[in-house]
Amino acid sequence: MARHLPPPGMETISSQVKEEYDANYKDGVLAAVKDGTDKWGLMGTDGKWLMAPAYKSLSYAGKGVFLTEGKRGTAYVDKQDAPVVWPEKEAASVHFFKDQGRYGIQDKNGNIVVAPTYKAVLADFSEGLAFVKDDKGEKVAIDESGRVQFAAPYDVILPYHHGLAEYQRRVSHFNWGGFLAGALIGSSMHSVYYDDEVTPLTYDGVKRGYLDRVGNIVIDSKNDAVYPMTEFGTFVRNKGKLGFVNRKGQYLIAPGNYTLDDGLLDDVDGFVSLKDKENGKWGVFSMVDGAQVVDFAYDGVQFLGSQRLLLTKGIKICSSIRKQGPLLRNSRPV
């Protein structure tokens, strides 16, 4: 595995993410763990519970803060399950304001940069760009001075993240993609990439694609399925085959007879578990160079962080692992 790690300074990999994981490990946090009651908690590096399993979902939000979902809704807590307030992200240098039904742009001091002429704001400023519907009803990308950068004639479009913007399209006939496109705006937020969340990789039915910063389509929404983006790239399913493309739309894992159902992502070191549909076994691929680092020979794969893997094979081995505690049954690094 060590031969397939992201190279130092790889521009598409956020060094902050790895620093966060390393900081958690040094702080005694090993993994988010699901026990036999199907609830999530936190396990320490000493093998003891830091946070007893009590939540429907538990994910890392950054800076030592965890996002939980339980009977009382969602809440931010620290590693000892104490409530905390998640700090606001740094605001953009400009923002939209509304006056008499139209939108304009103001700077931080309230000075008007662009008078209220836009009919709608489609996606707020992120990485210096936003998407609006102009006074003629055209959907366009603009910079912070209001200059039009390119046309964006898409049904739904989301803010930029690390140089890519997700766009979505509705389909003409009734299916999950068309029916849910509006309701699933921001659905990627807690599904692998945005806000440094780590969860199983699942396809949510949205017909999505991705644009670069000059409006070029790098991944087309016309594929059968395009998964939410990660810092390494995303999975694309087309004509029954599943493959992985980098953030430039180039295939790293060639399309094959794989499935991502219940697969997991190690977003620190860039590994993903895939199941071979033919033999029903799990293997592991690198999302950095596309190499297969673990053969399709295992009944289960769990990522435990810092290049640590748990591979299960056969009922007998699974039973012995369970005796060591719930950490080895269903876990993910944090």
C-alpha atoms as a PDB file:
ATOM      1  CA  MET A   1       0.000   0.000   0.000  1.00  0.00           C
ATOM      2  CA  ALA A   2       2.820   2.392   0.806  1.00  0.00           C
ATOM      3  CA  ARG A   3       3.891   2.433  -2.872  1.00  0.00           C
ATOM      4  CA  HIS A   4       0.500   3.843  -3.876  1.00  0.00           C
ATOM      5  CA  LEU A   5       0.118   6.743  -1.447  1.00  0.00           C
ATOM      6  CA  PRO A   6      -0.454  10.315  -2.663  1.00  0.00           C
ATOM      7  CA  PRO A   7       2.898  11.994  -3.427  1.00  0.00           C
ATOM      8  CA  PRO A   8       3.932  14.908  -1.197  1.00  0.00           C
ATOM      9  CA  GLY A   9       2.348  18.138  -2.390  1.00  0.00           C
ATOM     10  CA  MET A  10      -0.201  16.432  -4.659  1.00  0.00           C
ATOM     11  CA  GLU A  11      -2.380  19.386  -5.575  1.00  0.00           C
ATOM     12  CA  THR A  12      -5.725  17.591  -5.438  1.00  0.00           C
ATOM     13  CA  ILE A  13      -5.162  16.257  -1.920  1.00  0.00           C
ATOM     14  CA  SER A  14      -5.855  18.547   0.996  1.00  0.00           C
ATOM     15  CA  SER A  15      -2.961  18.320   3.450  1.00  0.00           C
ATOM     16  CA  GLN A  16      -5.338  19.606   6.110  1.00  0.00           C
ATOM     17  CA  VAL A  17      -7.396  16.409   5.901  1.00  0.00           C
ATOM     18  CA  LYS A  18      -4.400  14.217   6.719  1.00  0.00           C
ATOM     19  CA  GLU A  19      -3.323  16.599   9.479  1.00  0.00           C
ATOM     20  CA  GLU A  20      -6.805  16.291  10.998  1.00  0.00           C
ATOM     21  CA  TYR A  21      -6.653  12.479  10.962  1.00  0.00           C
ATOM     22  CA  ASP A  22      -3.145  12.438  12.402  1.00  0.00           C
ATOM     23  CA  ALA A  23      -4.212  14.899  15.103  1.00  0.00           C
ATOM     24  CA  ASN A  24      -7.156  12.668  16.029  1.00  0.00           C
ATOM     25  CA  TYR A  25      -4.914   9.625  16.321  1.00  0.00           C
ATOM     26  CA  LYS A  26      -2.433  11.519  18.511  1.00  0.00           C
ATOM     27  CA  ASP A  27      -5.384  12.668  20.593  1.00  0.00           C
ATOM     28  CA  GLY A  28      -6.368   9.066  21.231  1.00  0.00           C
ATOM     29  CA  VAL A  29      -9.200   8.752  18.685  1.00  0.00           C
ATOM     30  CA  LEU A  30      -8.968   5.638  16.501  1.00  0.00           C
ATOM     31  CA  ALA A  31     -12.230   5.162  14.631  1.00  0.00           C
ATOM     32  CA  ALA A  32     -15.967   5.606  14.456  1.00  0.00           C
ATOM     33  CA  VAL A  33     -17.403   2.202  15.322  1.00  0.00           C
ATOM     34  CA  LYS A  34     -20.813   0.557  14.891  1.00  0.00           C
ATOM     35  CA  ASP A  35     -21.717  -2.129  17.410  1.00  0.00           C
ATOM     36  CA  GLY A  36     -24.229  -4.964  17.369  1.00  0.00           C
ATOM     37  CA  THR A  37     -27.142  -2.576  17.998  1.00  0.00           C
ATOM     38  CA  ASP A  38     -26.390  -0.779  14.719  1.00  0.00           C
ATOM     39  CA  LYS A  39     -25.415   2.399  16.608  1.00  0.00           C
ATOM     40  CA  TRP A  40     -22.217   4.411  16.129  1.00  0.00           C
ATOM     41  CA  GLY A  41     -19.700   5.480  18.774  1.00  0.00           C
ATOM     42  CA  LEU A  42     -16.016   6.405  19.030  1.00  0.00           C
ATOM     43  CA  MET A  43     -13.224   3.971  19.883  1.00  0.00           C
ATOM     44  CA  GLY A  44      -9.930   5.132  21.362  1.00  0.00           C
ATOM     45  CA  THR A  45      -6.462   4.014  20.333  1.00  0.00           C
ATOM     46  CA  ASP A  46      -6.338   1.977  23.557  1.00  0.00           C
ATOM     47  CA  GLY A  47      -9.294  -0.135  22.391  1.00  0.00           C
ATOM     48  CA  LYS A  48     -11.723   1.426  24.886  1.00  0.00           C
ATOM     49  CA  TRP A  49     -14.835   3.440  24.176  1.00  0.00           C
ATOM     50  CA  LEU A  50     -14.447   7.215  24.090  1.00  0.00           C
ATOM     51  CA  MET A  51     -18.087   7.654  23.113  1.00  0.00           C
ATOM     52  CA  ALA A  52     -20.463   4.756  23.678  1.00  0.00           C
ATOM     53  CA  PRO A  53     -22.472   3.668  20.606  1.00  0.00           C
ATOM     54  CA  ALA A  54     -25.678   5.706  20.692  1.00  0.00           C
ATOM     55  CA  TYR A  55     -26.054   7.411  17.320  1.00  0.00           C
ATOM     56  CA  LYS A  56     -27.699   6.575  14.014  1.00  0.00           C
ATOM     57  CA  SER A  57     -24.750   8.217  12.274  1.00  0.00           C
ATOM     58  CA  LEU A  58     -21.454   9.715  13.406  1.00  0.00           C
ATOM     59  CA  SER A  59     -18.971  11.476  11.148  1.00  0.00           C
ATOM     60  CA  TYR A  60     -15.960  13.715  11.489  1.00  0.00           C
ATOM     61  CA  ALA A  61     -16.567  17.414  10.813  1.00  0.00           C
ATOM     62  CA  GLY A  62     -12.983  18.632  11.393  1.00  0.00           C
ATOM     63  CA  LYS A  63     -11.056  20.383  14.151  1.00  0.00           C
ATOM     64  CA  GLY A  64     -11.821  17.667  16.700  1.00  0.00           C
ATOM     65  CA  VAL A  65     -15.579  18.031  16.206  1.00  0.00           C
ATOM     66  CA  PHE A  66     -17.997  15.225  15.304  1.00  0.00           C
ATOM     67  CA  LEU A  67     -21.429  15.446  13.707  1.00  0.00           C
ATOM     68  CA  THR A  68     -23.952  13.040  15.230  1.00  0.00           C
ATOM     69  CA  GLU A  69     -27.515  12.065  14.413  1.00  0.00           C
ATOM     70  CA  GLY A  70     -29.716  10.539  17.078  1.00  0.00           C
ATOM     71  CA  LYS A  71     -33.196  10.616  18.555  1.00  0.00           C
ATOM     72  CA  ARG A  72     -32.952  14.359  19.204  1.00  0.00           C
ATOM     73  CA  GLY A  73     -31.726  15.228  15.719  1.00  0.00           C
ATOM     74  CA  THR A  74     -28.232  16.280  14.670  1.00  0.00           C
ATOM     75  CA  ALA A  75     -25.644  17.786  17.003  1.00  0.00           C
ATOM     76  CA  TYR A  76     -21.938  18.628  17.108  1.00  0.00           C
ATOM     77  CA  VAL A  77     -19.953  17.019  19.928  1.00  0.00           C
ATOM     78  CA  ASP A  78     -16.334  16.492  20.926  1.00  0.00           C
ATOM     79  CA  LYS A  79     -14.683  13.078  21.323  1.00  0.00           C
ATOM     80  CA  GLN A  80     -16.185  12.696  24.812  1.00  0.00           C
ATOM     81  CA  ASP A  81     -19.722  13.392  23.564  1.00  0.00           C
ATOM     82  CA  ALA A  82     -19.864  16.904  25.041  1.00  0.00           C
ATOM     83  CA  PRO A  83     -21.841  19.475  22.976  1.00  0.00           C
ATOM     84  CA  VAL A  84     -19.721  21.973  21.042  1.00  0.00           C
ATOM     85  CA  VAL A  85     -20.352  24.792  18.583  1.00  0.00           C
ATOM     86  CA  TRP A  86     -18.953  24.296  15.089  1.00  0.00           C
ATOM     87  CA  PRO A  87     -17.114  27.480  14.020  1.00  0.00           C
ATOM     88  CA  GLU A  88     -18.381  29.318  10.982  1.00  0.00           C
ATOM     89  CA  LYS A  89     -16.306  29.029   7.837  1.00  0.00           C
ATOM     90  CA  GLU A  90     -14.501  32.097   6.592  1.00  0.00           C
ATOM     91  CA  ALA A  91     -16.881  34.214   4.542  1.00  0.00           C
ATOM     92  CA  ALA A  92     -16.221  35.237   0.947  1.00  0.00           C
ATOM     93  CA  SER A  93     -14.946  38.770   0.312  1.00  0.00           C
ATOM     94  CA  VAL A  94     -18.296  39.648  -1.283  1.00  0.00           C
ATOM     95  CA  HIS A  95     -21.875  38.515  -0.832  1.00  0.00           C
ATOM     96  CA  PHE A  96     -25.270  38.821  -2.492  1.00  0.00           C
ATOM     97  CA  PHE A  97     -28.028  41.103  -1.250  1.00  0.00           C
ATOM     98  CA  LYS A  98     -31.642  41.440  -2.363  1.00  0.00           C
ATOM     99  CA  ASP A  99     -33.547  44.596  -3.178  1.00  0.00           C
ATOM    100  CA  GLN A 100     -36.991  44.811  -4.770  1.00  0.00           C
ATOM    101  CA  GLY A 101     -36.894  41.252  -5.967  1.00  0.00           C
ATOM    102  CA  ARG A 102     -33.459  41.419  -7.627  1.00  0.00           C
ATOM    103  CA  TYR A 103     -29.989  40.459  -6.365  1.00  0.00           C
ATOM    104  CA  GLY A 104     -26.808  42.496  -6.290  1.00  0.00           C
ATOM    105  CA  ILE A 105     -23.298  42.154  -4.848  1.00  0.00           C
ATOM    106  CA  GLN A 106     -21.827  43.924  -1.815  1.00  0.00           C
ATOM    107  CA  ASP A 107     -18.366  43.802  -0.278  1.00  0.00           C
ATOM    108  CA  LYS A 108     -17.707  43.171   3.422  1.00  0.00           C
ATOM    109  CA  ASN A 109     -18.103  46.872   4.196  1.00  0.00           C
ATOM    110  CA  GLY A 110     -21.514  47.077   2.575  1.00  0.00           C
ATOM    111  CA  ASN A 111     -20.322  48.880  -0.546  1.00  0.00           C
ATOM    112  CA  ILE A 112     -22.293  47.971  -3.654  1.00  0.00           C
ATOM    113  CA  VAL A 113     -20.150  46.157  -6.218  1.00  0.00           C
ATOM    114  CA  VAL A 114     -22.991  45.275  -8.588  1.00  0.00           C
ATOM    115  CA  ALA A 115     -26.445  46.876  -8.453  1.00  0.00           C
ATOM    116  CA  PRO A 116     -29.423  44.517  -7.965  1.00  0.00           C
ATOM    117  CA  THR A 117     -29.978  43.142 -11.467  1.00  0.00           C
ATOM    118  CA  TYR A 118     -29.805  39.357 -11.093  1.00  0.00           C
ATOM    119  CA  LYS A 119     -33.098  37.465 -11.149  1.00  0.00           C
ATOM    120  CA  ALA A 120     -31.797  34.601  -9.007  1.00  0.00           C
ATOM    121  CA  VAL A 121     -28.703  33.291  -7.244  1.00  0.00           C
ATOM    122  CA  LEU A 122     -28.120  29.684  -8.283  1.00  0.00           C
ATOM    123  CA  ALA A 123     -24.957  29.035  -6.227  1.00  0.00           C
ATOM    124  CA  ASP A 124     -23.231  31.369  -3.789  1.00  0.00           C
ATOM    125  CA  PHE A 125     -19.639  32.552  -4.122  1.00  0.00           C
ATOM    126  CA  SER A 126     -17.023  29.875  -3.631  1.00  0.00           C
ATOM    127  CA  GLU A 127     -13.399  30.050  -4.776  1.00  0.00           C
ATOM    128  CA  GLY A 128     -14.156  33.422  -6.360  1.00  0.00           C
ATOM    129  CA  LEU A 129     -17.053  32.301  -8.567  1.00  0.00           C
ATOM    130  CA  ALA A 130     -20.839  32.172  -8.263  1.00  0.00           C
ATOM    131  CA  PHE A 131     -23.735  31.158 -10.492  1.00  0.00           C
ATOM    132  CA  VAL A 132     -26.677  33.463 -11.168  1.00  0.00           C
ATOM    133  CA  LYS A 133     -29.613  34.031 -13.497  1.00  0.00           C
ATOM    134  CA  ASP A 134     -28.956  37.418 -15.100  1.00  0.00           C
ATOM    135  CA  ASP A 135     -31.427  40.159 -16.038  1.00  0.00           C
ATOM    136  CA  LYS A 136     -32.182  38.345 -19.309  1.00  0.00           C
ATOM    137  CA  GLY A 137     -32.875  35.064 -17.540  1.00  0.00           C
ATOM    138  CA  GLU A 138     -29.633  33.430 -18.720  1.00  0.00           C
ATOM    139  CA  LYS A 139     -27.775  31.150 -16.295  1.00  0.00           C
ATOM    140  CA  VAL A 140     -24.122  32.234 -16.053  1.00  0.00           C
ATOM    141  CA  ALA A 141     -21.016  32.047 -13.873  1.00  0.00           C
ATOM    142  CA  ILE A 142     -19.670  35.369 -12.550  1.00  0.00           C
ATOM    143  CA  ASP A 143     -16.596  36.467 -10.641  1.00  0.00           C
ATOM    144  CA  GLU A 144     -16.649  38.688  -7.538  1.00  0.00           C
ATOM    145  CA  SER A 145     -16.767  41.839  -9.662  1.00  0.00           C
ATOM    146  CA  GLY A 146     -19.835  40.587 -11.529  1.00  0.00           C
ATOM    147  CA  ARG A 147     -18.028  39.822 -14.795  1.00  0.00           C
ATOM    148  CA  VAL A 148     -19.583  36.923 -16.693  1.00  0.00           C
ATOM    149  CA  GLN A 149     -17.166  34.002 -17.073  1.00  0.00           C
ATOM    150  CA  PHE A 150     -19.204  31.425 -18.994  1.00  0.00           C
ATOM    151  CA  ALA A 151     -22.739  30.175 -19.608  1.00  0.00           C
ATOM    152  CA  ALA A 152     -24.102  27.578 -17.181  1.00  0.00           C
ATOM    153  CA  PRO A 153     -27.395  26.292 -18.652  1.00  0.00           C
ATOM    154  CA  TYR A 154     -28.006  23.571 -16.058  1.00  0.00           C
ATOM    155  CA  ASP A 155     -31.046  22.617 -14.001  1.00  0.00           C
ATOM    156  CA  VAL A 156     -29.115  22.673 -10.704  1.00  0.00           C
ATOM    157  CA  ILE A 157     -25.568  23.799  -9.978  1.00  0.00           C
ATOM    158  CA  LEU A 158     -23.589  23.759  -6.733  1.00  0.00           C
ATOM    159  CA  PRO A 159     -20.691  25.920  -5.472  1.00  0.00           C
ATOM    160  CA  TYR A 160     -17.079  25.153  -6.397  1.00  0.00           C
ATOM    161  CA  HIS A 161     -15.026  22.826  -4.223  1.00  0.00           C
ATOM    162  CA  HIS A 162     -11.335  22.468  -5.006  1.00  0.00           C
ATOM    163  CA  GLY A 163     -11.754  23.662  -8.567  1.00  0.00           C
ATOM    164  CA  LEU A 164     -14.852  21.697  -9.583  1.00  0.00           C
ATOM    165  CA  ALA A 165     -18.543  22.553  -9.524  1.00  0.00           C
ATOM    166  CA  GLU A 166     -21.225  19.872  -9.527  1.00  0.00           C
ATOM    167  CA  TYR A 167     -24.131  20.342 -11.907  1.00  0.00           C
ATOM    168  CA  GLN A 168     -27.318  18.316 -12.041  1.00  0.00           C
ATOM    169  CA  ARG A 169     -29.953  17.783 -14.693  1.00  0.00           C
ATOM    170  CA  ARG A 170     -33.523  16.628 -14.540  1.00  0.00           C
ATOM    171  CA  VAL A 171     -34.595  13.876 -16.871  1.00  0.00           C
ATOM    172  CA  SER A 172     -37.733  14.065 -18.981  1.00  0.00           C
ATOM    173  CA  HIS A 173     -39.292  10.849 -17.713  1.00  0.00           C
ATOM    174  CA  PHE A 174     -40.146   9.915 -14.150  1.00  0.00           C
ATOM    175  CA  ASN A 175     -37.397   8.179 -12.233  1.00  0.00           C
ATOM    176  CA  TRP A 176     -35.449   8.753  -9.045  1.00  0.00           C
ATOM    177  CA  GLY A 177     -32.996  11.070 -10.747  1.00  0.00           C
ATOM    178  CA  GLY A 178     -35.625  13.387 -12.187  1.00  0.00           C
ATOM    179  CA  PHE A 179     -37.952  13.263  -9.218  1.00  0.00           C
ATOM    180  CA  LEU A 180     -35.301  13.956  -6.583  1.00  0.00           C
ATOM    181  CA  ALA A 181     -33.004  16.378  -8.381  1.00  0.00           C
ATOM    182  CA  GLY A 182     -34.448  19.431  -6.670  1.00  0.00           C
ATOM    183  CA  ALA A 183     -34.774  17.807  -3.262  1.00  0.00           C
ATOM    184  CA  LEU A 184     -31.200  16.529  -3.328  1.00  0.00           C
ATOM    185  CA  ILE A 185     -29.437  19.842  -3.784  1.00  0.00           C
ATOM    186  CA  GLY A 186     -26.393  19.596  -1.526  1.00  0.00           C
ATOM    187  CA  SER A 187     -26.865  15.860  -1.098  1.00  0.00           C
ATOM    188  CA  SER A 188     -23.131  15.439  -1.602  1.00  0.00           C
ATOM    189  CA  MET A 189     -22.475  17.479   1.513  1.00  0.00           C
ATOM    190  CA  HIS A 190     -22.384  14.479   3.815  1.00  0.00           C
ATOM    191  CA  SER A 191     -21.426  11.820   1.309  1.00  0.00           C
ATOM    192  CA  VAL A 192     -17.679  11.531   1.067  1.00  0.00           C
ATOM    193  CA  TYR A 193     -16.145  14.807   0.022  1.00  0.00           C
ATOM    194  CA  TYR A 194     -17.696  18.062   1.152  1.00  0.00           C
ATOM    195  CA  ASP A 195     -16.858  19.212   4.673  1.00  0.00           C
ATOM    196  CA  ASP A 196     -14.355  16.363   4.983  1.00  0.00           C
ATOM    197  CA  GLU A 197     -17.048  13.878   5.956  1.00  0.00           C
ATOM    198  CA  VAL A 198     -16.277  10.157   5.658  1.00  0.00           C
ATOM    199  CA  THR A 199     -19.187   7.807   4.900  1.00  0.00           C
ATOM    200  CA  PRO A 200     -19.901   4.786   2.744  1.00  0.00           C
ATOM    201  CA  LEU A 201     -19.935   5.529  -0.982  1.00  0.00           C
ATOM    202  CA  THR A 202     -23.481   5.397  -2.301  1.00  0.00           C
ATOM    203  CA  TYR A 203     -25.204   6.631  -5.440  1.00  0.00           C
ATOM    204  CA  ASP A 204     -28.219   8.804  -4.620  1.00  0.00           C
ATOM    205  CA  GLY A 205     -29.956   8.801  -8.006  1.00  0.00           C
ATOM    206  CA  VAL A 206     -28.932  12.322  -9.001  1.00  0.00           C
ATOM    207  CA  LYS A 207     -27.939  12.811 -12.659  1.00  0.00           C
ATOM    208  CA  ARG A 208     -24.778  14.815 -11.959  1.00  0.00           C
ATOM    209  CA  GLY A 209     -21.662  15.949 -13.748  1.00  0.00           C
ATOM    210  CA  TYR A 210     -18.743  18.294 -12.995  1.00  0.00           C
ATOM    211  CA  LEU A 211     -17.387  21.535 -14.466  1.00  0.00           C
ATOM    212  CA  ASP A 212     -13.903  23.015 -14.203  1.00  0.00           C
ATOM    213  CA  ARG A 213     -13.283  26.685 -13.452  1.00  0.00           C
ATOM    214  CA  VAL A 214     -13.673  27.799 -17.065  1.00  0.00           C
ATOM    215  CA  GLY A 215     -16.911  25.909 -17.653  1.00  0.00           C
ATOM    216  CA  ASN A 216     -15.568  22.803 -19.400  1.00  0.00           C
ATOM    217  CA  ILE A 217     -17.445  19.583 -18.616  1.00  0.00           C
ATOM    218  CA  VAL A 218     -14.861  17.210 -17.160  1.00  0.00           C
ATOM    219  CA  ILE A 219     -17.385  14.507 -16.182  1.00  0.00           C
ATOM    220  CA  ASP A 220     -20.645  14.303 -18.122  1.00  0.00           C
ATOM    221  CA  SER A 221     -24.031  13.921 -16.444  1.00  0.00           C
ATOM    222  CA  LYS A 222     -25.132  11.751 -19.373  1.00  0.00           C
ATOM    223  CA  ASN A 223     -23.365   8.736 -17.853  1.00  0.00           C
ATOM    224  CA  ASP A 224     -25.652   6.173 -16.240  1.00  0.00           C
ATOM    225  CA  ALA A 225     -24.456   7.294 -12.806  1.00  0.00           C
ATOM    226  CA  VAL A 226     -21.852   9.721 -11.491  1.00  0.00           C
ATOM    227  CA  TYR A 227     -21.104   9.497  -7.776  1.00  0.00           C
ATOM    228  CA  PRO A 228     -20.383  12.451  -5.459  1.00  0.00           C
ATOM    229  CA  MET A 229     -16.875  13.843  -5.892  1.00  0.00           C
ATOM    230  CA  THR A 230     -13.932  13.065  -3.626  1.00  0.00           C
ATOM    231  CA  GLU A 231     -10.596  14.841  -3.485  1.00  0.00           C
ATOM    232  CA  PHE A 232      -9.164  12.072  -5.671  1.00  0.00           C
ATOM    233  CA  GLY A 233     -11.966  11.851  -8.225  1.00  0.00           C
ATOM    234  CA  THR A 234     -15.253   9.990  -8.493  1.00  0.00           C
ATOM    235  CA  PHE A 235     -16.855   6.773  -9.662  1.00  0.00           C
ATOM    236  CA  VAL A 236     -18.719   6.606 -12.948  1.00  0.00           C
ATOM    237  CA  ARG A 237     -21.077   3.824 -13.982  1.00  0.00           C
ATOM    238  CA  ASN A 238     -21.882   3.499 -17.661  1.00  0.00           C
ATOM    239  CA  LYS A 239     -23.216   0.624 -19.757  1.00  0.00           C
ATOM    240  CA  GLY A 240     -23.243  -1.601 -16.682  1.00  0.00           C
ATOM    241  CA  LYS A 241     -19.548  -1.088 -15.867  1.00  0.00           C
ATOM    242  CA  LEU A 242     -18.110   0.837 -12.933  1.00  0.00           C
ATOM    243  CA  GLY A 243     -14.831   2.778 -13.092  1.00  0.00           C
ATOM    244  CA  PHE A 244     -13.023   5.560 -11.271  1.00  0.00           C
ATOM    245  CA  VAL A 245     -11.941   8.833 -12.896  1.00  0.00           C
ATOM    246  CA  ASN A 246      -9.626  11.492 -11.498  1.00  0.00           C
ATOM    247  CA  ARG A 247     -10.634  15.117 -11.143  1.00  0.00           C
ATOM    248  CA  LYS A 248      -9.746  15.726 -14.788  1.00  0.00           C
ATOM    249  CA  GLY A 249     -12.168  13.045 -15.958  1.00  0.00           C
ATOM    250  CA  GLN A 250      -9.427  10.520 -16.830  1.00  0.00           C
ATOM    251  CA  TYR A 251      -9.995   6.861 -15.918  1.00  0.00           C
ATOM    252  CA  LEU A 252      -7.652   5.493 -13.244  1.00  0.00           C
ATOM    253  CA  ILE A 253      -9.632   2.344 -12.447  1.00  0.00           C
ATOM    254  CA  ALA A 254     -10.828   0.993 -15.788  1.00  0.00           C
ATOM    255  CA  PRO A 255     -14.555   0.176 -16.033  1.00  0.00           C
ATOM    256  CA  GLY A 256     -15.245  -3.319 -14.776  1.00  0.00           C
ATOM    257  CA  ASN A 257     -17.844  -5.624 -13.275  1.00  0.00           C
ATOM    258  CA  TYR A 258     -17.583  -4.074  -9.803  1.00  0.00           C
ATOM    259  CA  THR A 259     -20.033  -2.770  -7.238  1.00  0.00           C
ATOM    260  CA  LEU A 260     -19.686  -0.029  -4.627  1.00  0.00           C
ATOM    261  CA  ASP A 261     -22.655  -1.158  -2.542  1.00  0.00           C
ATOM    262  CA  ASP A 262     -21.487  -1.012   1.110  1.00  0.00           C
ATOM    263  CA  GLY A 263     -18.006  -0.025  -0.084  1.00  0.00           C
ATOM    264  CA  LEU A 264     -15.858   2.259   2.054  1.00  0.00           C
ATOM    265  CA  LEU A 265     -13.416   5.041   1.272  1.00  0.00           C
ATOM    266  CA  ASP A 266     -10.122   5.858   2.996  1.00  0.00           C
ATOM    267  CA  ASP A 267      -9.944   9.534   2.071  1.00  0.00           C
ATOM    268  CA  VAL A 268      -6.609  10.084   3.833  1.00  0.00           C
ATOM    269  CA  ASP A 269      -4.434   7.613   1.939  1.00  0.00           C
ATOM    270  CA  GLY A 270      -6.720   7.304  -1.080  1.00  0.00           C
ATOM    271  CA  PHE A 271      -7.944   3.696  -1.013  1.00  0.00           C
ATOM    272  CA  VAL A 272     -11.390   2.266  -1.740  1.00  0.00           C
ATOM    273  CA  SER A 273     -12.983  -1.158  -1.292  1.00  0.00           C
ATOM    274  CA  LEU A 274     -14.791  -2.678  -4.285  1.00  0.00           C
ATOM    275  CA  LYS A 275     -16.697  -5.937  -4.675  1.00  0.00           C
ATOM    276  CA  ASP A 276     -16.282  -8.210  -7.678  1.00  0.00           C
ATOM    277  CA  LYS A 277     -19.790  -9.093  -8.874  1.00  0.00           C
ATOM    278  CA  GLU A 278     -18.605 -12.423 -10.286  1.00  0.00           C
ATOM    279  CA  ASN A 279     -17.156 -13.984  -7.124  1.00  0.00           C
ATOM    280  CA  GLY A 280     -18.777 -11.715  -4.496  1.00  0.00           C
ATOM    281  CA  LYS A 281     -15.427 -10.961  -2.864  1.00  0.00           C
ATOM    282  CA  TRP A 282     -13.921  -7.627  -1.809  1.00  0.00           C
ATOM    283  CA  GLY A 283     -10.650  -6.072  -2.922  1.00  0.00           C
ATOM    284  CA  VAL A 284      -8.918  -2.705  -2.481  1.00  0.00           C
ATOM    285  CA  PHE A 285      -7.831  -0.165  -5.092  1.00  0.00           C
ATOM    286  CA  SER A 286      -5.727   2.968  -4.928  1.00  0.00           C
ATOM    287  CA  MET A 287      -7.534   6.106  -6.058  1.00  0.00           C
ATOM    288  CA  VAL A 288      -4.158   7.799  -6.587  1.00  0.00           C
ATOM    289  CA  ASP A 289      -2.891   5.620  -9.433  1.00  0.00           C
ATOM    290  CA  GLY A 290      -5.681   3.069  -9.939  1.00  0.00           C
ATOM    291  CA  ALA A 291      -3.603   0.069  -8.836  1.00  0.00           C
ATOM    292  CA  GLN A 292      -5.317  -2.881  -7.161  1.00  0.00           C
ATOM    293  CA  VAL A 293      -3.504  -3.383  -3.846  1.00  0.00           C
ATOM    294  CA  VAL A 294      -5.679  -6.184  -2.386  1.00  0.00           C
ATOM    295  CA  ASP A 295      -7.046  -9.009  -4.551  1.00  0.00           C
ATOM    296  CA  PHE A 296     -10.748  -9.881  -4.734  1.00  0.00           C
ATOM    297  CA  ALA A 297     -10.433 -12.582  -2.106  1.00  0.00           C
ATOM    298  CA  TYR A 298     -12.052 -11.284   1.094  1.00  0.00           C
ATOM    299  CA  ASP A 299     -15.511 -11.284   2.662  1.00  0.00           C
ATOM    300  CA  GLY A 300     -15.016  -7.874   4.243  1.00  0.00           C
ATOM    301  CA  VAL A 301     -12.672  -4.872   4.265  1.00  0.00           C
ATOM    302  CA  GLN A 302     -12.421  -2.157   6.904  1.00  0.00           C
ATOM    303  CA  PHE A 303     -10.103   0.879   6.864  1.00  0.00           C
ATOM    304  CA  LEU A 304      -8.622   1.717  10.254  1.00  0.00           C
ATOM    305  CA  GLY A 305      -6.454   4.677   9.206  1.00  0.00           C
ATOM    306  CA  SER A 306      -2.688   5.151   8.790  1.00  0.00           C
ATOM    307  CA  GLN A 307      -2.470   2.353   6.186  1.00  0.00           C
ATOM    308  CA  ARG A 308      -4.164  -0.110   8.533  1.00  0.00           C
ATOM    309  CA  LEU A 309      -6.643  -2.589   7.079  1.00  0.00           C
ATOM    310  CA  LEU A 310      -8.903  -5.230   8.565  1.00  0.00           C
ATOM    311  CA  LEU A 311      -9.525  -8.057   6.081  1.00  0.00           C
ATOM    312  CA  THR A 312     -12.013 -10.771   6.955  1.00  0.00           C
ATOM    313  CA  LYS A 313     -12.153 -14.130   5.213  1.00  0.00           C
ATOM    314  CA  GLY A 314     -14.509 -16.887   6.201  1.00  0.00           C
ATOM    315  CA  ILE A 315     -16.880 -17.318   9.136  1.00  0.00           C
ATOM    316  CA  LYS A 316     -14.206 -18.706  11.420  1.00  0.00           C
ATOM    317  CA  ILE A 317     -11.991 -15.645  11.115  1.00  0.00           C
ATOM    318  CA  CYS A 318     -14.953 -13.296  11.560  1.00  0.00           C
ATOM    319  CA  SER A 319     -15.861 -15.032  14.820  1.00  0.00           C
ATOM    320  CA  SER A 320     -12.375 -14.671  16.239  1.00  0.00           C
ATOM    321  CA  ILE A 321     -12.313 -11.000  15.305  1.00  0.00           C
ATOM    322  CA  ARG A 322     -15.578 -10.301  17.093  1.00  0.00           C
ATOM    323  CA  LYS A 323     -14.056 -11.622  20.307  1.00  0.00           C
ATOM    324  CA  GLN A 324     -11.590  -8.757  20.221  1.00  0.00           C
ATOM    325  CA  GLY A 325     -14.399  -6.197  20.475  1.00  0.00           C
ATOM    326  CA  PRO A 326     -16.740  -4.246  18.238  1.00  0.00           C
ATOM    327  CA  LEU A 327     -13.960  -2.089  16.767  1.00  0.00           C
ATOM    328  CA  LEU A 328     -13.193  -4.781  14.211  1.00  0.00           C
ATOM    329  CA  ARG A 329     -16.763  -5.355  13.092  1.00  0.00           C
ATOM    330  CA  ASN A 330     -17.749  -2.114  11.443  1.00  0.00           C
ATOM    331  CA  SER A 331     -15.527   0.924  11.698  1.00  0.00           C
ATOM    332  CA  ARG A 332     -14.022   3.801   9.813  1.00  0.00           C
ATOM    333  CA  PRO A 333     -11.076   6.115  10.602  1.00  0.00           C
ATOM    334  CA  VAL A 334     -11.688   9.613  11.932  1.00  0.00           C
END
